[in-house]
């Protein structure tokens, strides 16, 4: 991971920690997504939210195959969850998003954790 990606990833994590500190666990994923979008905007962090992304399968393109919660800058994907425990399928989801977007860094954030860093996973491709 290069220095710019590391700095931007740290800024996104900081924004997520601020949201979690203010809201705490127990809300719907959509509440955390809206709050994080607002916090990213306040911090001047460039992002796209819920962007429809296509997937190529052999000779066809499947439009709107997936929608990452956030695309940050050129290389970072953020996926938000509000679940009791992160499962392997959540990891696989982020890794699949990285594969199909050719991005290098994925953050999986589980806002239903008592302490956000315990619900944080970082993936580097």
Protein backbone atom coordinates (compact mmCIF):
# COMPACT_ATOMS: atom_id res chain seq x y z
CA UNK A 1 0.00 0.00 0.00
CA UNK A 2 1.46 3.36 -0.97
CA UNK A 3 1.63 6.37 1.35
CA UNK A 4 -1.34 8.14 -0.25
CA UNK A 5 -3.54 5.05 0.11
CA UNK A 6 -2.40 4.62 3.70
CA UNK A 7 -3.18 8.26 4.54
CA UNK A 8 -6.59 8.13 2.85
CA UNK A 9 -7.44 4.80 4.48
CA UNK A 10 -6.52 6.27 7.87
CA UNK A 11 -8.75 9.28 7.19
CA UNK A 12 -11.70 7.03 6.28
CA UNK A 13 -11.17 4.93 9.42
CA UNK A 14 -11.04 8.13 11.48
CA UNK A 15 -14.34 9.26 9.96
CA UNK A 16 -15.91 5.86 10.70
CA UNK A 17 -14.68 5.99 14.30
CA UNK A 18 -16.27 9.43 14.70
CA UNK A 19 -19.60 8.12 13.39
CA UNK A 20 -19.44 5.11 15.71
CA UNK A 21 -18.47 7.30 18.66
CA UNK A 22 -21.50 9.54 18.08
CA UNK A 23 -24.09 6.87 17.17
CA UNK A 24 -22.86 3.71 18.91
CA UNK A 25 -23.90 0.18 17.89
CA UNK A 26 -27.44 -1.03 17.30
CA UNK A 27 -28.73 0.98 14.31
CA UNK A 28 -29.52 -0.13 10.79
CA UNK A 29 -26.71 -0.24 8.25
CA UNK A 30 -28.41 2.52 6.26
CA UNK A 31 -28.11 4.95 9.20
CA UNK A 32 -24.38 4.37 9.44
CA UNK A 33 -24.01 4.74 5.69
CA UNK A 34 -25.73 8.13 5.64
CA UNK A 35 -23.78 9.32 8.67
CA UNK A 36 -20.48 8.16 7.18
CA UNK A 37 -21.27 9.87 3.88
CA UNK A 38 -21.89 13.08 5.81
CA UNK A 39 -18.68 12.70 7.82
CA UNK A 40 -16.63 12.01 4.68
CA UNK A 41 -18.09 15.13 3.11
CA UNK A 42 -17.30 17.20 6.20
CA UNK A 43 -13.70 15.98 6.04
CA UNK A 44 -13.34 16.65 2.31
CA UNK A 45 -12.74 12.99 1.46
CA UNK A 46 -13.78 12.25 -2.15
CA UNK A 47 -16.20 9.34 -2.53
CA UNK A 48 -18.94 7.77 -4.60
CA UNK A 49 -21.80 6.12 -2.74
CA UNK A 50 -23.69 2.99 -3.83
CA UNK A 51 -22.36 3.17 -7.39
CA UNK A 52 -23.76 0.45 -9.64
CA UNK A 53 -20.91 -1.62 -11.06
CA UNK A 54 -21.00 -4.10 -13.94
CA UNK A 55 -19.35 -7.52 -14.12
CA UNK A 56 -18.06 -9.20 -17.26
CA UNK A 57 -18.91 -12.88 -17.54
CA UNK A 58 -17.45 -14.56 -20.61
CA UNK A 59 -19.01 -12.65 -23.53
CA UNK A 60 -21.63 -10.62 -21.64
CA UNK A 61 -21.69 -7.67 -19.28
CA UNK A 62 -24.00 -7.98 -16.28
CA UNK A 63 -25.07 -4.43 -15.52
CA UNK A 64 -25.66 -3.41 -11.90
CA UNK A 65 -24.12 -6.65 -10.62
CA UNK A 66 -23.08 -5.08 -7.32
CA UNK A 67 -22.98 -1.79 -5.43
CA UNK A 68 -20.14 -1.16 -3.02
CA UNK A 69 -21.22 1.13 -0.18
CA UNK A 70 -18.38 3.58 -0.92
CA UNK A 71 -15.69 4.01 -3.54
CA UNK A 72 -13.05 6.28 -2.03
CA UNK A 73 -10.54 7.99 -4.29
CA UNK A 74 -9.04 5.74 -6.93
CA UNK A 75 -8.16 2.64 -4.93
CA UNK A 76 -10.33 2.12 -1.83
CA UNK A 77 -13.63 0.31 -1.31
CA UNK A 78 -15.59 0.58 1.94
CA UNK A 79 -18.29 -1.93 2.82
CA UNK A 80 -20.48 -1.29 5.86
CA UNK A 81 -22.20 -3.90 7.99
CA UNK A 82 -24.31 -3.77 11.15
CA UNK A 83 -24.28 -7.44 12.17
CA UNK A 84 -23.58 -9.38 15.34
CA UNK A 85 -20.47 -11.01 13.88
CA UNK A 86 -18.65 -10.61 10.59
CA UNK A 87 -18.77 -13.82 8.56
CA UNK A 88 -16.46 -15.22 5.90
CA UNK A 89 -19.01 -14.23 3.25
CA UNK A 90 -18.51 -10.57 4.23
CA UNK A 91 -14.76 -10.96 3.65
CA UNK A 92 -15.45 -12.66 0.32
CA UNK A 93 -17.78 -9.83 -0.69
CA UNK A 94 -15.06 -7.20 -0.20
CA UNK A 95 -12.46 -9.33 -1.99
CA UNK A 96 -14.85 -9.80 -4.91
CA UNK A 97 -15.47 -6.05 -5.07
CA UNK A 98 -11.71 -5.45 -5.14
CA UNK A 99 -11.31 -7.97 -7.95
CA UNK A 100 -14.01 -6.51 -10.18
CA UNK A 101 -13.10 -2.86 -9.61
CA UNK A 102 -9.32 -3.35 -9.82
CA UNK A 103 -8.94 -1.41 -6.58
CA UNK A 104 -6.22 -2.19 -4.08
CA UNK A 105 -7.64 -1.57 -0.60
CA UNK A 106 -10.88 -2.74 0.98
CA UNK A 107 -12.29 -1.74 4.35
CA UNK A 108 -15.00 -3.81 6.00
CA UNK A 109 -16.61 -1.89 8.87
CA UNK A 110 -19.02 -3.54 11.30
CA UNK A 111 -20.75 -0.73 13.17
CA UNK A 112 -22.52 -3.21 15.45
CA UNK A 113 -19.27 -3.74 17.37
CA UNK A 114 -18.89 -2.29 20.84
CA UNK A 115 -15.56 -0.80 19.73
CA UNK A 116 -15.33 -0.11 15.99
CA UNK A 117 -11.71 -1.25 15.65
CA UNK A 118 -12.88 -4.72 16.75
CA UNK A 119 -15.25 -4.74 13.76
CA UNK A 120 -12.72 -3.41 11.27
CA UNK A 121 -11.02 -5.50 8.60
CA UNK A 122 -8.58 -4.15 6.00
CA UNK A 123 -7.82 -6.03 2.80
CA UNK A 124 -4.92 -5.20 0.50
CA UNK A 125 -4.75 -6.64 -2.99
